[in-house]
N, C-alpha and C. Protein backbone atom coordinates (compact mmCIF):
# COMPACT_ATOMS: atom_id res chain seq x y z
N GLN A 1 -46.09 79.48 -95.71
CA GLN A 1 -46.64 79.17 -94.38
C GLN A 1 -46.70 80.45 -93.54
N ASN A 2 -45.59 81.18 -93.51
CA ASN A 2 -45.58 82.42 -92.73
C ASN A 2 -46.61 83.40 -93.27
N LEU A 3 -46.73 83.45 -94.60
CA LEU A 3 -47.69 84.38 -95.21
C LEU A 3 -49.11 84.01 -94.78
N THR A 4 -49.41 82.71 -94.77
CA THR A 4 -50.75 82.27 -94.37
C THR A 4 -51.02 82.66 -92.91
N ASP A 5 -50.04 82.44 -92.06
CA ASP A 5 -50.21 82.78 -90.63
C ASP A 5 -50.44 84.28 -90.50
N ALA A 6 -49.72 85.07 -91.27
CA ALA A 6 -49.88 86.53 -91.21
C ALA A 6 -51.28 86.92 -91.64
N MET A 7 -51.78 86.31 -92.71
CA MET A 7 -53.13 86.63 -93.20
C MET A 7 -54.17 86.26 -92.14
N VAL A 8 -54.00 85.11 -91.52
CA VAL A 8 -54.95 84.68 -90.48
C VAL A 8 -54.91 85.65 -89.32
N GLY A 9 -53.72 86.06 -88.93
CA GLY A 9 -53.58 87.00 -87.82
C GLY A 9 -54.27 88.32 -88.13
N ILE A 10 -54.07 88.83 -89.36
CA ILE A 10 -54.71 90.09 -89.76
C ILE A 10 -56.23 89.92 -89.76
N SER A 11 -56.70 88.79 -90.27
CA SER A 11 -58.15 88.55 -90.33
C SER A 11 -58.73 88.53 -88.91
N ASN A 12 -58.06 87.84 -88.00
CA ASN A 12 -58.55 87.77 -86.62
C ASN A 12 -58.53 89.15 -85.99
N PHE A 13 -57.46 89.91 -86.21
CA PHE A 13 -57.36 91.26 -85.65
C PHE A 13 -58.48 92.14 -86.19
N ALA A 14 -58.74 92.06 -87.50
CA ALA A 14 -59.81 92.87 -88.11
C ALA A 14 -61.15 92.44 -87.56
N GLY A 15 -61.35 91.14 -87.40
CA GLY A 15 -62.63 90.64 -86.89
C GLY A 15 -62.89 91.14 -85.48
N ILE A 16 -61.87 91.09 -84.63
CA ILE A 16 -62.03 91.56 -83.25
C ILE A 16 -62.33 93.06 -83.25
N ARG A 17 -61.63 93.80 -84.10
CA ARG A 17 -61.83 95.25 -84.16
C ARG A 17 -63.24 95.57 -84.61
N ILE A 18 -63.74 94.84 -85.62
CA ILE A 18 -65.10 95.07 -86.12
C ILE A 18 -66.11 94.79 -85.01
N VAL A 19 -65.91 93.70 -84.28
CA VAL A 19 -66.84 93.35 -83.19
C VAL A 19 -66.87 94.47 -82.16
N ARG A 20 -65.70 95.01 -81.82
CA ARG A 20 -65.63 96.09 -80.82
C ARG A 20 -66.31 97.34 -81.38
N GLU A 21 -66.15 97.58 -82.68
CA GLU A 21 -66.78 98.75 -83.30
C GLU A 21 -68.29 98.66 -83.16
N LEU A 22 -68.83 97.44 -83.32
CA LEU A 22 -70.28 97.26 -83.21
C LEU A 22 -70.70 97.48 -81.76
């Protein structure tokens, strides 16, 4: 469960960063 939450958090962080990069 914790691992899944961590993966989701990383995905969201990467997604936000990519959007800002664009």
